[in-house]
Amino acid sequence: QVQLVESGGGLVQPGGSLRLSCEASGFTFSNYAMSWYRQAPGNQRELVAIIYFGGDTNYADSVKGRFTISRDNAKRTVYLQMNSLKTEDTAVYYCGAQWIKNVYWGQGTQVTVSS
C-alpha cells in the first residue's frame, strides 16, 4: 500500500522557518522524483520544489533562495526546509511522488504564515 505522510506544518510568523517532512512507503522510493506542491484557497495547486532520483532540483521562482528540498533515500523521506517565510507562503503543502506514469500524493499539511 502506497503512503506519503507529511508532517511539520503549523503556524509561524513572517520571517520564520519550518521544515516539512514526507515519509514514503509502498514503492521503490529511490526511483521516484519527489516534489512539494502547495495550494492556497481559491488557487490551483502549484509546484514548489522537486528533487529527482539523481539529486537534481528545481524550484518555483517565488521560493528560490528561501526553500531547500532534500531527500534521504535510506529513510525514504523527502524534506522541505522553508526559511524567510512570507504570508503568501500560506497554503496546504502536498508531497508528491512520480515515476513514469505512477503519481502518488500525500494528504497535505497546513502551513500558515501570520503575525
N, C-alpha and C. Protein backbone atom coordinates (compact mmCIF):
# COMPACT_ATOMS: atom_id res chain seq x y z
N GLN A 1 0.84 -1.19 0.00
CA GLN A 1 0.00 0.00 0.00
C GLN A 1 0.88 1.24 0.00
N VAL A 2 0.65 2.13 -0.98
CA VAL A 2 1.43 3.35 -1.09
C VAL A 2 0.95 4.35 -0.06
N GLN A 3 1.91 4.94 0.65
CA GLN A 3 1.58 6.01 1.60
C GLN A 3 2.64 7.10 1.54
N LEU A 4 2.17 8.33 1.58
CA LEU A 4 3.02 9.50 1.74
C LEU A 4 2.46 10.28 2.91
N VAL A 5 3.23 10.41 3.96
CA VAL A 5 2.75 11.03 5.19
C VAL A 5 3.57 12.28 5.47
N GLU A 6 2.92 13.44 5.33
CA GLU A 6 3.59 14.72 5.60
C GLU A 6 3.49 15.08 7.07
N SER A 7 4.46 15.84 7.53
CA SER A 7 4.45 16.39 8.88
C SER A 7 5.28 17.66 8.89
N GLY A 8 5.12 18.44 9.98
CA GLY A 8 5.95 19.62 10.16
C GLY A 8 5.27 20.94 9.88
N GLY A 9 4.04 20.90 9.41
CA GLY A 9 3.33 22.15 9.18
C GLY A 9 2.93 22.82 10.48
N GLY A 10 2.43 24.04 10.36
CA GLY A 10 1.99 24.75 11.54
C GLY A 10 1.90 26.23 11.29
N LEU A 11 1.80 26.97 12.39
CA LEU A 11 1.69 28.43 12.36
C LEU A 11 3.06 29.04 12.67
N VAL A 12 3.47 29.99 11.85
CA VAL A 12 4.77 30.63 12.05
C VAL A 12 4.64 32.10 11.67
N GLN A 13 5.44 32.94 12.31
CA GLN A 13 5.42 34.36 12.00
C GLN A 13 6.21 34.65 10.72
N PRO A 14 5.88 35.73 10.04
CA PRO A 14 6.68 36.12 8.87
C PRO A 14 8.16 36.22 9.23
N GLY A 15 9.00 35.71 8.34
CA GLY A 15 10.43 35.68 8.60
C GLY A 15 10.91 34.42 9.28
N GLY A 16 9.98 33.62 9.75
CA GLY A 16 10.32 32.40 10.46
C GLY A 16 10.62 31.24 9.52
N SER A 17 10.85 30.08 10.13
CA SER A 17 11.23 28.88 9.38
C SER A 17 10.38 27.69 9.81
N LEU A 18 10.21 26.77 8.88
CA LEU A 18 9.59 25.48 9.14
C LEU A 18 10.29 24.42 8.29
N ARG A 19 10.27 23.19 8.77
CA ARG A 19 10.80 22.07 7.99
C ARG A 19 9.71 21.02 7.83
N LEU A 20 9.32 20.79 6.61
CA LEU A 20 8.34 19.76 6.31
C LEU A 20 9.05 18.45 6.01
N SER A 21 8.41 17.36 6.42
CA SER A 21 8.91 16.02 6.12
C SER A 21 7.82 15.21 5.45
N CYS A 22 8.23 14.30 4.61
CA CYS A 22 7.28 13.39 3.95
C CYS A 22 7.91 12.00 3.92
N GLU A 23 7.31 11.11 4.68
CA GLU A 23 7.82 9.74 4.76
C GLU A 23 7.00 8.85 3.82
N ALA A 24 7.71 8.10 2.99
CA ALA A 24 7.07 7.30 1.96
C ALA A 24 7.16 5.81 2.26
N SER A 25 6.18 5.07 1.78
CA SER A 25 6.20 3.62 1.88
C SER A 25 5.37 3.03 0.76
N GLY A 26 5.66 1.77 0.43
CA GLY A 26 4.84 1.06 -0.55
C GLY A 26 5.32 1.14 -1.98
N PHE A 27 6.46 1.79 -2.22
CA PHE A 27 7.02 1.85 -3.57
C PHE A 27 8.54 2.05 -3.46
N THR A 28 9.23 1.90 -4.59
CA THR A 28 10.69 2.00 -4.60
C THR A 28 11.08 3.48 -4.60
N PHE A 29 11.25 4.01 -3.42
CA PHE A 29 11.43 5.45 -3.22
C PHE A 29 12.56 6.02 -4.06
N SER A 30 13.68 5.32 -4.13
CA SER A 30 14.86 5.87 -4.79
C SER A 30 14.67 6.08 -6.29
N ASN A 31 13.68 5.42 -6.88
CA ASN A 31 13.42 5.57 -8.31
C ASN A 31 12.63 6.82 -8.64
N TYR A 32 11.95 7.36 -7.64
CA TYR A 32 10.94 8.38 -7.87
C TYR A 32 11.50 9.79 -7.73
N ALA A 33 10.98 10.67 -8.60
CA ALA A 33 11.14 12.10 -8.37
C ALA A 33 10.17 12.49 -7.26
N MET A 34 10.66 13.23 -6.29
CA MET A 34 9.85 13.65 -5.15
C MET A 34 9.66 15.16 -5.19
N SER A 35 8.46 15.59 -4.87
CA SER A 35 8.15 17.00 -5.01
C SER A 35 7.30 17.51 -3.86
N TRP A 36 7.27 18.82 -3.75
CA TRP A 36 6.36 19.52 -2.86
C TRP A 36 5.53 20.47 -3.71
N TYR A 37 4.24 20.39 -3.54
CA TYR A 37 3.30 21.30 -4.16
C TYR A 37 2.56 22.04 -3.04
N ARG A 38 1.91 23.12 -3.40
CA ARG A 38 1.08 23.82 -2.42
C ARG A 38 -0.17 24.35 -3.11
N GLN A 39 -1.19 24.50 -2.29
CA GLN A 39 -2.46 25.04 -2.78
C GLN A 39 -3.05 25.97 -1.74
N ALA A 40 -3.20 27.22 -2.11
CA ALA A 40 -3.84 28.21 -1.26
C ALA A 40 -5.32 28.29 -1.63
N PRO A 41 -6.17 28.75 -0.71
CA PRO A 41 -7.60 28.84 -1.00
C PRO A 41 -7.86 29.67 -2.26
N GLY A 42 -8.67 29.09 -3.17
CA GLY A 42 -9.01 29.79 -4.40
C GLY A 42 -7.98 29.70 -5.49
N ASN A 43 -6.85 29.05 -5.19
CA ASN A 43 -5.78 28.94 -6.18
C ASN A 43 -5.60 27.49 -6.64
N GLN A 44 -4.96 27.33 -7.79
CA GLN A 44 -4.61 25.99 -8.25
C GLN A 44 -3.39 25.48 -7.49
N ARG A 45 -3.26 24.17 -7.47
CA ARG A 45 -2.07 23.57 -6.86
C ARG A 45 -0.86 23.92 -7.73
N GLU A 46 0.21 24.34 -7.08
CA GLU A 46 1.41 24.74 -7.81
C GLU A 46 2.64 24.02 -7.30
N LEU A 47 3.58 23.79 -8.21
CA LEU A 47 4.83 23.16 -7.83
C LEU A 47 5.68 24.13 -7.04
N VAL A 48 6.19 23.66 -5.92
CA VAL A 48 7.10 24.45 -5.09
C VAL A 48 8.54 24.05 -5.36
N ALA A 49 8.80 22.73 -5.30
CA ALA A 49 10.15 22.23 -5.49
C ALA A 49 10.09 20.76 -5.86
N ILE A 50 11.10 20.31 -6.60
CA ILE A 50 11.19 18.91 -6.99
C ILE A 50 12.64 18.46 -6.92
N ILE A 51 12.83 17.21 -6.49
CA ILE A 51 14.16 16.62 -6.46
C ILE A 51 14.09 15.28 -7.17
N TYR A 52 14.97 15.09 -8.15
CA TYR A 52 14.95 13.88 -8.97
C TYR A 52 15.78 12.78 -8.31
N PHE A 53 15.67 11.58 -8.85
CA PHE A 53 16.33 10.44 -8.21
C PHE A 53 17.83 10.64 -8.15
N GLY A 54 18.39 11.42 -9.08
CA GLY A 54 19.83 11.67 -9.07
C GLY A 54 20.25 12.83 -8.20
N GLY A 55 19.27 13.55 -7.64
CA GLY A 55 19.57 14.65 -6.74
C GLY A 55 19.41 16.04 -7.34
N ASP A 56 19.20 16.14 -8.64
CA ASP A 56 18.96 17.46 -9.24
C ASP A 56 17.67 18.05 -8.68
N THR A 57 17.65 19.37 -8.58
CA THR A 57 16.49 20.05 -8.01
C THR A 57 16.02 21.20 -8.90
N ASN A 58 14.75 21.53 -8.75
CA ASN A 58 14.18 22.71 -9.37
C ASN A 58 13.22 23.36 -8.39
N TYR A 59 13.12 24.69 -8.48
CA TYR A 59 12.28 25.44 -7.55
C TYR A 59 11.40 26.43 -8.30
N ALA A 60 10.26 26.71 -7.73
CA ALA A 60 9.45 27.82 -8.22
C ALA A 60 10.22 29.12 -7.98
N ASP A 61 10.06 30.06 -8.88
CA ASP A 61 10.79 31.33 -8.73
C ASP A 61 10.47 32.01 -7.40
N SER A 62 9.24 31.84 -6.93
CA SER A 62 8.80 32.53 -5.72
C SER A 62 9.49 32.02 -4.46
N VAL A 63 10.12 30.86 -4.52
CA VAL A 63 10.75 30.31 -3.31
C VAL A 63 12.26 30.15 -3.44
N LYS A 64 12.80 30.43 -4.62
CA LYS A 64 14.24 30.28 -4.82
C LYS A 64 15.02 31.12 -3.82
N GLY A 65 16.03 30.51 -3.22
CA GLY A 65 16.85 31.19 -2.24
C GLY A 65 16.30 31.14 -0.83
N ARG A 66 15.04 30.69 -0.69
CA ARG A 66 14.42 30.61 0.64
C ARG A 66 14.12 29.17 1.05
N PHE A 67 13.74 28.34 0.08
CA PHE A 67 13.36 26.95 0.36
C PHE A 67 14.43 26.01 -0.18
N THR A 68 14.60 24.89 0.51
CA THR A 68 15.53 23.85 0.07
C THR A 68 14.87 22.49 0.18
N ILE A 69 14.87 21.76 -0.92
CA ILE A 69 14.34 20.39 -0.91
C ILE A 69 15.51 19.42 -0.84
N SER A 70 15.32 18.35 -0.08
CA SER A 70 16.35 17.32 0.03
C SER A 70 15.68 15.98 0.25
N ARG A 71 16.45 14.92 0.07
CA ARG A 71 15.89 13.58 0.25
C ARG A 71 16.91 12.69 0.93
N ASP A 72 16.39 11.74 1.69
CA ASP A 72 17.21 10.72 2.34
C ASP A 72 16.63 9.38 1.90
N ASN A 73 17.27 8.75 0.93
CA ASN A 73 16.73 7.51 0.39
C ASN A 73 16.72 6.39 1.43
N ALA A 74 17.69 6.39 2.32
CA ALA A 74 17.73 5.35 3.36
C ALA A 74 16.53 5.47 4.30
N LYS A 75 16.08 6.69 4.54
CA LYS A 75 14.93 6.91 5.42
C LYS A 75 13.63 7.03 4.63
N ARG A 76 13.72 6.97 3.30
CA ARG A 76 12.54 7.07 2.44
C ARG A 76 11.77 8.36 2.75
N THR A 77 12.49 9.42 2.90
CA THR A 77 11.91 10.69 3.34
C THR A 77 12.42 11.84 2.48
N VAL A 78 11.51 12.75 2.16
CA VAL A 78 11.86 13.99 1.48
C VAL A 78 11.52 15.15 2.41
N TYR A 79 12.36 16.18 2.36
CA TYR A 79 12.22 17.31 3.26
C TYR A 79 12.05 18.60 2.46
N LEU A 80 11.43 19.58 3.10
CA LEU A 80 11.38 20.93 2.55
C LEU A 80 11.71 21.89 3.68
N GLN A 81 12.90 22.46 3.63
CA GLN A 81 13.30 23.48 4.59
C GLN A 81 12.84 24.83 4.06
N MET A 82 12.02 25.50 4.84
CA MET A 82 11.45 26.78 4.42
C MET A 82 11.92 27.87 5.35
N ASN A 83 12.68 28.80 4.82
CA ASN A 83 13.19 29.93 5.59
C ASN A 83 12.61 31.24 5.08
N SER A 84 12.73 32.27 5.86
CA SER A 84 12.25 33.61 5.48
C SER A 84 10.82 33.55 4.96
N LEU A 85 9.98 32.88 5.71
CA LEU A 85 8.60 32.66 5.26
C LEU A 85 7.84 33.97 5.16
N LYS A 86 6.96 34.01 4.16
CA LYS A 86 6.13 35.18 3.90
C LYS A 86 4.66 34.79 4.04
N THR A 87 3.82 35.78 4.23
CA THR A 87 2.39 35.48 4.37
C THR A 87 1.85 34.77 3.12
N GLU A 88 2.41 35.10 1.97
CA GLU A 88 1.93 34.47 0.73
C GLU A 88 2.37 33.01 0.59
N ASP A 89 3.17 32.52 1.52
CA ASP A 89 3.52 31.09 1.53
C ASP A 89 2.44 30.26 2.22
N THR A 90 1.45 30.91 2.79
CA THR A 90 0.37 30.20 3.46
C THR A 90 -0.39 29.33 2.46
N ALA A 91 -0.49 28.04 2.77
CA ALA A 91 -1.13 27.08 1.88
C ALA A 91 -1.13 25.71 2.53
N VAL A 92 -1.84 24.78 1.91
CA VAL A 92 -1.67 23.37 2.23
C VAL A 92 -0.55 22.84 1.33
N TYR A 93 0.43 22.22 1.95
CA TYR A 93 1.58 21.69 1.23
C TYR A 93 1.42 20.18 1.07
N TYR A 94 1.60 19.72 -0.17
CA TYR A 94 1.43 18.32 -0.51
C TYR A 94 2.75 17.72 -0.99
N CYS A 95 3.00 16.54 -0.54
CA CYS A 95 4.14 15.77 -1.01
C CYS A 95 3.67 14.93 -2.21
N GLY A 96 4.52 14.86 -3.25
CA GLY A 96 4.18 14.07 -4.41
C GLY A 96 5.34 13.16 -4.81
N ALA A 97 4.99 12.04 -5.41
CA ALA A 97 5.99 11.10 -5.91
C ALA A 97 5.62 10.73 -7.34
N GLN A 98 6.61 10.74 -8.24
CA GLN A 98 6.32 10.46 -9.63
C GLN A 98 7.42 9.62 -10.26
N TRP A 99 7.01 8.59 -11.00
CA TRP A 99 7.95 7.77 -11.78
C TRP A 99 7.20 7.22 -12.97
N ILE A 100 7.57 7.65 -14.14
CA ILE A 100 6.91 7.30 -15.40
C ILE A 100 5.44 7.71 -15.26
N LYS A 101 4.51 6.77 -15.29
CA LYS A 101 3.10 7.15 -15.18
C LYS A 101 2.55 7.01 -13.77
N ASN A 102 3.37 6.60 -12.84
CA ASN A 102 2.92 6.46 -11.45
C ASN A 102 3.04 7.80 -10.74
N VAL A 103 1.93 8.27 -10.18
CA VAL A 103 1.92 9.52 -9.42
C VAL A 103 1.16 9.28 -8.12
N TYR A 104 1.77 9.64 -7.02
CA TYR A 104 1.15 9.48 -5.70
C TYR A 104 1.18 10.81 -4.96
N TRP A 105 0.19 10.99 -4.08
CA TRP A 105 0.08 12.22 -3.28
C TRP A 105 -0.10 11.92 -1.82
N GLY A 106 0.41 12.81 -0.98
CA GLY A 106 0.11 12.76 0.43
C GLY A 106 -1.19 13.50 0.72
N GLN A 107 -1.54 13.53 2.00
CA GLN A 107 -2.82 14.13 2.40
C GLN A 107 -2.71 15.63 2.62
N GLY A 108 -1.49 16.14 2.69
CA GLY A 108 -1.28 17.57 2.86
C GLY A 108 -1.07 17.98 4.29
N THR A 109 -0.32 19.06 4.47
CA THR A 109 -0.10 19.64 5.78
C THR A 109 -0.23 21.16 5.66
N GLN A 110 -0.92 21.75 6.61
CA GLN A 110 -1.21 23.19 6.55
C GLN A 110 0.00 23.99 7.05
N VAL A 111 0.37 24.99 6.28
CA VAL A 111 1.37 25.97 6.69
C VAL A 111 0.70 27.34 6.69
N THR A 112 0.71 28.00 7.84
CA THR A 112 0.12 29.32 7.97
C THR A 112 1.18 30.29 8.44
N VAL A 113 1.41 31.33 7.66
CA VAL A 113 2.39 32.36 8.00
C VAL A 113 1.61 33.63 8.33
N SER A 114 1.65 33.99 9.60
CA SER A 114 0.84 35.12 10.07
C SER A 114 1.43 35.69 11.35
N SER A 115 1.27 37.00 11.50
CA SER A 115 1.71 37.64 12.73
C SER A 115 0.56 37.74 13.73
